Amino acid sequence: MEFKQSLAQRIIIAFALMSALVAGSFAMGIVATVHLVEEKLISSGLGGDLNRLLLMDSVSDWSHRPEPDQLFYFSGGPGDFDVPKDLRHLEPGFHEVFRGPLSYHAMVEVVDGRRYVLLQDQSDFEERERVLFAVVLVGFVLALALAVFLGWVLARRVMAPVVRLARQVRHRDQLLGLAPPLAPDYAADEVGELAVAFDATLGRLRSALTRERMFTSDVSHELRTPLMVLASSCELLLENPALDTRARAQVERIARACEEMRDLVQTFLMLARTQREDATMTPKVGLCSVAEQLVALWRGPIESKGLTLNFYPEAANQSSDTLYNATFLHAVMGNLLRNALHYTDSGFITLTLQADGFLVEDSGVGIPEEKREAMFEPFVRGNEQRGEGLGLGLSLVQRICENQGWTVNLSPMEPNGCRFSVKLKPR
């Protein structure tokens, strides 16, 4: 079951509902009890008054006449004492009757075939009931308000350690190996058990992150040597004049792949070390500088495929003094240009620099709407898969952007193609 309210709000609502139920039950019980008791007392008193009147021998001999708020009738009585027509149908016993705007309590007796009726105005009774209802209603409202206040206070006290624990767990420093355990700060209750569970989970997560960083760092470091060997071998081969055009093109392709692989290895190494090293120690570079390098690198492959490469650096001149992580910026922009090249058969690829980022646009096959959100996940590729990629390029772009506080968004082009917008934030 999903709740839109927070846990604290649910505690307050539970208090209010419980208090409303209890206070409402008590209020109804009080009103019903008072009403029943008062009605019993009135019927008993009215019956006693009627019996006293019946003991009189004649009207002229009454020593106790009806009270000022009472009316007395009997069958065959003189003048106004005769039973009115609207009262003749009443059975013997206690009744509540209404005569115009007034209401009365009535006691009816039949003696020797003669009907006797004693009426008592119940205005005072109704006034007392209204006062009682008002008092009960005020009490109910006050009880409900008090319950909401107590629920709010209790919710704050109960939720305080939970909120503090959530903030501690949410803080990224808790993933560091030197982060202190959480459990000693909490009592040995349910929240303390939750803190112990978080300590255990965070410990396993820290170990997994450490192993992942060590693996990435070690692999990236070890791959540098064979890549250097390949790059050096390609340089030596390219110096050989005996190579024909086809062989030279293949060696240049190998050299370019080695350069890309070396950049990728450097990116993974930087990601593995970014949590452990001072960000000020990483090389910084301007947006225009990286863009010009990549345009020079990719212009040949793009134009050899029959595409047009458009480069608009003008808007970035306003932020020429802003510097970014060189390795990460190179990897993000390079992966987006490579992705555009793989999925564009005709038309153009455009790189537009902006004051706070850049755009990479193409006229390629595009990405279906249902796949756009998933394209930044690992091993996800478009419907028309090109080359031998594993679908990690955009995932790497997303990971770098999250690491650096950048944002990357994907939107469609008309009539076809993709637009990747990257917003940069200096660190």
Protein backbone atom coordinates (compact mmCIF):
# COMPACT_ATOMS: atom_id res chain seq x y z
CA MET A 1 0.00 0.00 0.00
CA GLU A 2 1.40 3.40 -0.95
CA PHE A 3 1.01 6.45 1.28
CA LYS A 4 1.47 9.99 0.04
CA GLN A 5 1.96 11.31 3.59
CA SER A 6 5.23 11.14 5.46
CA LEU A 7 5.61 8.86 8.48
CA ALA A 8 5.31 11.83 10.85
CA GLN A 9 2.08 12.92 9.17
CA ARG A 10 0.73 9.39 9.45
CA ILE A 11 1.48 9.38 13.19
CA ILE A 12 -0.39 12.67 13.62
CA ILE A 13 -3.32 11.39 11.54
CA ALA A 14 -3.42 8.17 13.58
CA PHE A 15 -3.50 10.17 16.83
CA ALA A 16 -6.24 12.42 15.47
CA LEU A 17 -8.38 9.49 14.27
CA MET A 18 -7.92 7.56 17.51
CA SER A 19 -8.80 10.63 19.57
CA ALA A 20 -11.78 11.39 17.34
CA LEU A 21 -13.03 7.83 17.79
CA VAL A 22 -12.53 7.77 21.58
CA ALA A 23 -13.74 11.33 22.21
CA GLY A 24 -16.68 10.86 19.85
CA SER A 25 -17.69 7.63 21.56
CA PHE A 26 -17.49 9.28 24.99
CA ALA A 27 -19.41 12.34 23.78
CA MET A 28 -22.19 10.24 22.29
CA GLY A 29 -22.31 8.09 25.42
CA ILE A 30 -22.50 11.14 27.68
CA VAL A 31 -25.23 12.76 25.61
CA ALA A 32 -27.26 9.55 25.37
CA THR A 33 -26.87 8.79 29.10
CA VAL A 34 -27.80 12.30 30.22
CA HIS A 35 -30.75 12.35 27.85
CA LEU A 36 -32.00 8.96 29.06
CA VAL A 37 -31.55 9.79 32.77
CA GLU A 38 -33.19 13.19 32.44
CA GLU A 39 -36.09 11.68 30.53
CA LYS A 40 -36.53 9.04 33.23
CA LEU A 41 -36.48 11.67 35.94
CA ILE A 42 -38.95 13.89 34.07
CA SER A 43 -41.34 10.99 33.41
CA SER A 44 -41.13 9.94 37.06
CA GLY A 45 -41.74 13.47 38.32
CA LEU A 46 -44.54 14.09 35.85
CA GLY A 47 -46.18 10.79 36.80
CA GLY A 48 -45.99 11.78 40.48
CA ASP A 49 -47.61 15.15 39.75
CA LEU A 50 -50.43 13.47 37.82
CA ASN A 51 -51.08 10.95 40.61
CA ARG A 52 -51.23 13.77 43.15
CA LEU A 53 -53.80 15.58 41.03
CA LEU A 54 -55.85 12.40 40.71
CA LEU A 55 -56.11 12.19 44.49
CA MET A 56 -58.14 15.43 44.58
CA ASP A 57 -61.85 14.95 45.11
CA SER A 58 -62.80 17.91 42.93
CA VAL A 59 -61.23 20.71 41.08
CA SER A 60 -62.30 23.20 43.76
CA ASP A 61 -60.69 21.09 46.50
CA TRP A 62 -57.22 20.91 44.92
CA SER A 63 -54.67 21.92 47.42
CA HIS A 64 -51.78 21.50 44.91
CA ARG A 65 -52.54 22.85 41.52
CA PRO A 66 -50.36 22.11 38.44
CA GLU A 67 -47.07 23.93 38.19
CA PRO A 68 -46.93 27.13 36.06
CA ASP A 69 -45.31 25.22 33.16
CA GLN A 70 -47.89 22.40 33.32
CA LEU A 71 -51.31 21.89 31.69
CA PHE A 72 -53.89 19.46 33.05
CA TYR A 73 -56.79 17.89 31.10
CA PHE A 74 -59.31 15.15 31.81
CA SER A 75 -62.23 13.69 29.92
CA GLY A 76 -65.49 15.56 30.43
CA GLY A 77 -63.71 18.36 32.26
CA PRO A 78 -65.29 21.83 32.33
CA GLY A 79 -64.22 24.32 29.68
CA ASP A 80 -60.50 24.28 28.99
CA PHE A 81 -59.93 21.23 31.17
CA ASP A 82 -61.48 18.87 28.62
CA VAL A 83 -58.93 16.74 26.74
CA PRO A 84 -58.16 18.42 23.36
CA LYS A 85 -58.72 16.37 20.22
CA ASP A 86 -54.97 16.19 19.40
CA LEU A 87 -54.32 14.45 22.73
CA ARG A 88 -57.20 11.93 22.77
CA HIS A 89 -55.27 9.31 20.76
CA LEU A 90 -52.40 9.05 23.28
CA GLU A 91 -52.02 5.73 25.04
CA PRO A 92 -51.45 5.62 28.82
CA GLY A 93 -47.85 6.35 29.73
CA PHE A 94 -45.11 8.90 28.95
CA HIS A 95 -45.05 10.75 25.62
CA GLU A 96 -43.42 13.66 23.82
CA VAL A 97 -45.93 15.75 21.91
CA PHE A 98 -45.68 18.83 19.72
CA ARG A 99 -48.34 21.53 19.66
CA GLY A 100 -47.46 24.19 17.13
CA PRO A 101 -43.97 25.58 17.78
CA LEU A 102 -43.90 24.18 21.34
CA SER A 103 -43.03 20.70 22.53
CA TYR A 104 -44.26 19.04 25.73
CA HIS A 105 -43.71 15.99 27.83
CA ALA A 106 -47.06 14.27 28.44
CA MET A 107 -48.19 11.74 31.06
CA VAL A 108 -51.47 9.94 30.31
CA GLU A 109 -53.54 7.87 32.76
CA VAL A 110 -56.96 6.21 32.30
CA VAL A 111 -58.96 5.69 35.50
CA ASP A 112 -62.51 4.26 35.42
CA GLY A 113 -62.77 5.03 31.72
CA ARG A 114 -61.78 8.64 32.18
CA ARG A 115 -58.59 9.92 30.49
CA TYR A 116 -56.27 12.24 32.41
CA VAL A 117 -53.45 14.10 30.67
CA LEU A 118 -50.73 16.24 32.27
CA LEU A 119 -48.47 18.28 29.95
CA GLN A 120 -45.18 19.95 30.93
CA ASP A 121 -43.38 22.47 28.76
CA GLN A 122 -39.92 21.09 27.88
CA SER A 123 -38.30 24.39 26.89
CA ASP A 124 -36.00 24.21 29.94
CA PHE A 125 -35.17 20.61 29.10
CA GLU A 126 -34.27 21.54 25.53
CA GLU A 127 -32.16 24.47 26.74
CA ARG A 128 -30.23 22.16 29.05
CA GLU A 129 -29.73 19.75 26.15
CA ARG A 130 -28.39 22.54 23.94
CA VAL A 131 -25.93 23.58 26.64
CA LEU A 132 -24.91 19.96 27.07
CA PHE A 133 -24.40 19.53 23.33
CA ALA A 134 -22.33 22.72 23.20
CA VAL A 135 -20.14 21.62 26.12
CA VAL A 136 -19.63 18.16 24.62
CA LEU A 137 -18.85 19.61 21.19
CA VAL A 138 -16.30 22.04 22.62
CA GLY A 139 -14.75 19.20 24.60
CA PHE A 140 -14.58 17.04 21.49
CA VAL A 141 -12.89 19.79 19.46
CA LEU A 142 -10.43 20.53 22.27
CA ALA A 143 -9.63 16.83 22.65
CA LEU A 144 -9.05 16.56 18.91
CA ALA A 145 -6.81 19.63 18.88
CA LEU A 146 -4.88 18.32 21.88
CA ALA A 147 -4.47 14.95 20.14
CA VAL A 148 -3.09 16.62 16.99
CA PHE A 149 -0.65 18.66 19.09
CA LEU A 150 0.49 15.64 21.09
CA GLY A 151 0.77 13.64 17.87
CA TRP A 152 2.92 16.37 16.35
CA VAL A 153 5.19 16.49 19.43
CA LEU A 154 5.43 12.70 19.59
CA ALA A 155 6.06 12.43 15.85
CA ARG A 156 8.94 14.90 16.12
CA ARG A 157 10.46 13.00 19.02
CA VAL A 158 9.95 9.59 17.43
CA MET A 159 11.11 10.66 13.97
CA ALA A 160 14.12 12.71 15.13
CA PRO A 161 16.53 9.73 15.32
CA VAL A 162 15.11 8.28 12.09
CA VAL A 163 15.62 11.59 10.26
CA ARG A 164 19.13 11.91 11.67
CA LEU A 165 19.95 8.36 10.61
CA ALA A 166 18.58 9.01 7.11
CA ARG A 167 20.75 12.12 6.77
CA GLN A 168 23.83 10.23 7.88
CA VAL A 169 23.19 7.36 5.49
CA ARG A 170 22.42 9.78 2.64
CA HIS A 171 25.68 11.67 3.14
CA ARG A 172 28.26 10.55 0.59
CA ASP A 173 31.06 10.54 3.21
CA GLN A 174 29.47 7.43 4.72
CA LEU A 175 30.83 5.48 1.74
CA LEU A 176 34.40 6.41 2.66
CA GLY A 177 36.45 3.72 4.35
CA LEU A 178 37.23 5.92 7.38
CA ALA A 179 33.59 6.84 8.06
CA PRO A 180 32.64 6.03 11.70
CA PRO A 181 29.90 3.45 12.41
CA LEU A 182 26.37 4.73 12.95
CA ALA A 183 25.07 2.35 15.62
CA PRO A 184 26.95 3.80 18.68
CA ASP A 185 24.99 7.07 18.32
CA TYR A 186 21.62 5.37 18.87
CA ALA A 187 19.84 3.56 21.69
CA ALA A 188 19.34 -0.19 21.66
CA ASP A 189 15.86 0.04 20.16
CA GLU A 190 14.34 -0.42 16.72
CA VAL A 191 16.20 2.61 15.35
CA GLY A 192 19.43 1.24 16.84
CA GLU A 193 18.80 -2.08 15.08
CA LEU A 194 18.22 -0.17 11.85
CA ALA A 195 21.54 1.66 12.36
CA VAL A 196 23.29 -1.69 12.91
CA ALA A 197 21.76 -2.99 9.67
CA PHE A 198 22.89 0.15 7.85
CA ASP A 199 26.41 -0.28 9.24
CA ALA A 200 26.54 -3.82 7.92
CA THR A 201 25.15 -2.83 4.51
CA LEU A 202 27.40 0.21 4.22
CA GLY A 203 30.38 -1.94 5.18
CA ARG A 204 29.65 -4.37 2.37
CA LEU A 205 29.08 -1.47 -0.02
CA ARG A 206 32.37 0.16 0.98
CA SER A 207 34.18 -3.13 0.40
CA ALA A 208 32.52 -3.54 -3.01
CA LEU A 209 33.39 0.02 -4.02
CA THR A 210 36.98 -0.43 -2.86
CA ARG A 211 37.32 -3.66 -4.86
CA GLU A 212 35.75 -1.99 -7.91
CA ARG A 213 38.10 1.00 -7.71
CA MET A 214 41.13 -1.20 -7.17
CA PHE A 215 40.14 -3.44 -10.07
CA THR A 216 39.49 -0.48 -12.38
CA SER A 217 42.70 1.23 -11.29
CA ASP A 218 44.81 -1.91 -11.65
CA VAL A 219 43.36 -2.90 -15.02
CA SER A 220 43.67 0.63 -16.35
CA HIS A 221 47.23 0.84 -15.14
CA GLU A 222 48.23 -2.54 -16.57
CA LEU A 223 46.67 -1.80 -19.96
CA ARG A 224 48.90 1.22 -20.41
CA THR A 225 51.99 -0.85 -21.17
CA PRO A 226 50.58 -2.96 -24.04
CA LEU A 227 48.89 0.13 -25.47
CA MET A 228 52.18 1.99 -25.46
CA VAL A 229 53.78 -0.96 -27.23
CA LEU A 230 51.04 -0.94 -29.87
CA ALA A 231 51.27 2.83 -30.34
CA SER A 232 55.06 2.70 -30.67
CA SER A 233 54.84 -0.18 -33.14
CA CYS A 234 52.35 1.76 -35.24
CA GLU A 235 54.65 4.79 -35.30
CA LEU A 236 57.55 2.62 -36.43
CA LEU A 237 55.43 0.94 -39.11
CA LEU A 238 54.23 4.30 -40.43
CA GLU A 239 57.87 5.36 -40.86
CA ASN A 240 58.47 2.39 -43.15
CA PRO A 241 58.33 3.67 -46.76
CA ALA A 242 57.66 0.14 -48.02
CA LEU A 243 54.07 0.21 -46.77
CA ASP A 244 51.48 0.48 -49.50
CA THR A 245 48.45 2.74 -49.23
CA ARG A 246 46.11 0.03 -47.95
CA ALA A 247 48.54 -1.20 -45.29
CA ARG A 248 49.26 2.36 -44.18
CA ALA A 249 45.54 3.01 -43.81
CA GLN A 250 45.17 -0.08 -41.63
CA VAL A 251 48.13 0.91 -39.45
CA GLU A 252 46.68 4.43 -39.04
CA ARG A 253 43.40 2.86 -38.04
CA ILE A 254 45.18 0.74 -35.42
CA ALA A 255 47.05 3.81 -34.16
CA ARG A 256 43.80 5.77 -33.88
CA ALA A 257 42.15 2.87 -32.01
CA CYS A 258 45.13 2.73 -29.63
CA GLU A 259 44.79 6.45 -28.97
CA GLU A 260 41.08 6.07 -28.24
CA MET A 261 41.78 3.09 -26.01
CA ARG A 262 44.43 5.03 -24.13
CA ASP A 263 41.97 7.89 -23.56
CA LEU A 264 39.36 5.42 -22.34
CA VAL A 265 41.83 3.77 -19.97
CA GLN A 266 42.79 7.19 -18.62
CA THR A 267 39.09 8.01 -18.10
CA PHE A 268 38.48 4.80 -16.14
CA LEU A 269 41.60 5.44 -14.08
CA MET A 270 40.41 8.95 -13.27
CA LEU A 271 36.96 7.68 -12.27
CA ALA A 272 38.56 5.10 -10.00
CA ARG A 273 40.74 7.70 -8.29
CA THR A 274 38.31 10.60 -8.18
CA GLN A 275 37.04 9.73 -4.68
CA ARG A 276 40.54 9.38 -3.28
CA GLU A 277 42.55 12.17 -4.88
CA ASP A 278 42.31 15.93 -4.59
CA ALA A 279 40.37 17.35 -7.53
CA THR A 280 42.85 20.24 -7.74
CA MET A 281 45.59 17.78 -8.77
CA THR A 282 43.82 16.83 -12.03
CA PRO A 283 44.72 18.75 -15.21
CA LYS A 284 42.21 21.41 -16.26
CA VAL A 285 41.46 22.71 -19.76
CA GLY A 286 39.09 25.08 -21.50
CA LEU A 287 36.07 23.98 -23.51
CA CYS A 288 37.31 25.46 -26.80
CA SER A 289 40.65 23.69 -26.52
CA VAL A 290 39.11 20.22 -26.15
CA ALA A 291 36.55 20.90 -28.87
CA GLU A 292 39.21 21.98 -31.37
CA GLN A 293 41.31 18.87 -30.63
CA LEU A 294 38.36 16.54 -31.12
CA VAL A 295 37.14 18.31 -34.26
CA ALA A 296 40.63 17.90 -35.75
CA LEU A 297 40.66 14.23 -34.71
CA TRP A 298 37.18 13.34 -36.01
CA ARG A 299 36.95 15.52 -39.09
CA GLY A 300 38.74 12.95 -41.24
CA PRO A 301 36.59 9.91 -40.31
CA ILE A 302 33.38 11.98 -40.47
CA GLU A 303 34.07 13.53 -43.88
CA SER A 304 35.40 10.23 -45.28
CA LYS A 305 31.92 8.83 -44.58
CA GLY A 306 30.39 11.58 -46.72
CA LEU A 307 29.07 13.61 -43.77
CA THR A 308 29.41 17.32 -43.02
CA LEU A 309 31.02 18.33 -39.74
CA ASN A 310 29.81 21.72 -38.49
CA PHE A 311 31.66 23.41 -35.64
CA TYR A 312 30.33 26.58 -33.94
CA PRO A 313 32.66 27.74 -31.13
CA GLU A 314 31.52 31.38 -30.94
CA ALA A 315 29.27 31.12 -27.84
CA ALA A 316 32.05 29.59 -25.74
CA ASN A 317 34.22 32.72 -26.01
CA GLN A 318 32.30 34.23 -23.07
CA SER A 319 33.54 31.45 -20.78
CA SER A 320 37.05 31.02 -22.21
CA ASP A 321 38.52 31.38 -18.70
CA THR A 322 36.43 28.52 -17.26
CA LEU A 323 38.42 25.30 -16.90
CA TYR A 324 37.19 21.70 -16.61
CA ASN A 325 38.68 18.28 -15.98
CA ALA A 326 40.58 17.59 -19.21
CA THR A 327 40.22 13.80 -19.20
CA PHE A 328 36.51 13.76 -18.43
CA LEU A 329 35.58 16.56 -20.84
CA HIS A 330 37.55 14.87 -23.60
CA ALA A 331 35.82 11.54 -22.90
CA VAL A 332 32.29 13.01 -22.82
CA MET A 333 32.60 15.07 -26.00
CA GLY A 334 34.56 12.34 -27.81
CA ASN A 335 32.00 9.63 -26.99
CA LEU A 336 29.12 11.78 -28.20
CA LEU A 337 30.91 12.56 -31.49
CA ARG A 338 31.76 8.87 -31.94
CA ASN A 339 28.15 7.91 -31.23
CA ALA A 340 26.92 10.45 -33.80
CA LEU A 341 29.35 9.08 -36.40
CA HIS A 342 28.24 5.47 -35.87
CA TYR A 343 24.53 6.24 -36.24
CA THR A 344 24.59 8.80 -39.05
CA ASP A 345 24.73 7.61 -42.69
CA SER A 346 24.05 10.90 -44.44
CA GLY A 347 23.66 14.55 -43.60
CA PHE A 348 25.59 16.31 -40.88
CA ILE A 349 27.10 16.25 -37.41
CA THR A 350 27.17 19.56 -35.54
CA LEU A 351 29.19 20.55 -32.46
CA THR A 352 27.98 23.82 -30.92
CA LEU A 353 29.74 25.33 -27.94
CA GLN A 354 27.74 27.30 -25.40
CA ALA A 355 28.61 29.51 -22.47
CA ASP A 356 27.91 26.66 -20.00
CA GLY A 357 28.25 23.54 -22.14
CA PHE A 358 27.87 22.22 -25.65
CA LEU A 359 25.48 20.50 -28.09
CA VAL A 360 26.15 17.51 -30.34
CA GLU A 361 23.51 17.14 -33.08
CA ASP A 362 23.23 14.72 -35.97
CA SER A 363 20.86 13.73 -38.77
CA GLY A 364 21.17 10.02 -38.06
CA VAL A 365 18.63 7.29 -37.47
CA GLY A 366 17.60 8.73 -34.11
CA ILE A 367 16.44 6.90 -31.01
CA PRO A 368 12.84 5.77 -30.42
CA GLU A 369 11.04 7.61 -27.63
CA GLU A 370 10.56 4.44 -25.59
CA LYS A 371 14.33 3.87 -25.54
CA ARG A 372 15.59 7.38 -24.82
CA GLU A 373 15.64 7.13 -21.04
CA ALA A 374 17.33 3.72 -21.15
CA MET A 375 20.07 4.79 -23.57
CA PHE A 376 22.28 5.99 -20.70
CA GLU A 377 22.18 2.58 -19.01
CA PRO A 378 25.02 0.08 -19.55
CA PHE A 379 24.80 -2.35 -22.50
CA VAL A 380 21.80 -0.58 -24.05
CA ARG A 381 22.08 0.18 -27.77
CA GLY A 382 19.80 1.66 -30.40
CA ASN A 383 17.57 -0.41 -32.65
CA GLU A 384 20.06 -0.13 -35.53
CA GLN A 385 23.22 -1.38 -33.85
CA ARG A 386 26.39 -0.34 -35.63
CA GLY A 387 29.94 -1.58 -35.23
CA GLU A 388 31.14 -3.81 -32.40
CA GLY A 389 30.30 -1.54 -29.46
CA LEU A 390 28.84 -2.89 -26.24
CA GLY A 391 26.56 0.05 -25.52
CA LEU A 392 28.85 1.50 -22.84
CA GLY A 393 29.65 4.88 -24.44
CA LEU A 394 26.56 6.77 -23.29
CA SER A 395 26.66 4.96 -19.95
CA LEU A 396 30.20 6.24 -19.47
CA VAL A 397 29.08 9.76 -20.43
CA GLN A 398 26.30 9.60 -17.82
CA ARG A 399 28.68 8.30 -15.15
CA ILE A 400 31.23 11.05 -15.80
CA CYS A 401 28.54 13.75 -15.75
CA GLU A 402 27.16 12.50 -12.43
CA ASN A 403 30.68 12.41 -11.00
CA GLN A 404 31.42 15.99 -12.04
CA GLY A 405 28.00 17.49 -11.35
CA TRP A 406 27.29 17.94 -15.05
CA THR A 407 24.00 17.10 -16.79
CA VAL A 408 23.39 15.41 -20.14
CA ASN A 409 20.01 15.35 -21.91
CA LEU A 410 18.84 13.61 -25.06
CA SER A 411 16.15 15.04 -27.34
CA PRO A 412 15.04 14.23 -30.93
CA MET A 413 15.85 16.26 -34.04
CA GLU A 414 13.38 16.98 -36.84
CA PRO A 415 12.80 15.11 -39.09
CA ASN A 416 15.28 12.61 -37.65
CA GLY A 417 18.42 12.48 -35.60
CA CYS A 418 19.48 13.21 -32.02
CA ARG A 419 20.52 16.21 -29.95
CA PHE A 420 22.69 15.71 -26.90
CA SER A 421 22.90 18.74 -24.59
CA VAL A 422 25.64 18.79 -21.94
CA LYS A 423 25.65 21.43 -19.19
CA LEU A 424 29.03 21.81 -17.48
CA LYS A 425 29.87 22.96 -13.97
CA PRO A 426 33.44 23.89 -13.03
CA ARG A 427 34.93 22.10 -9.99
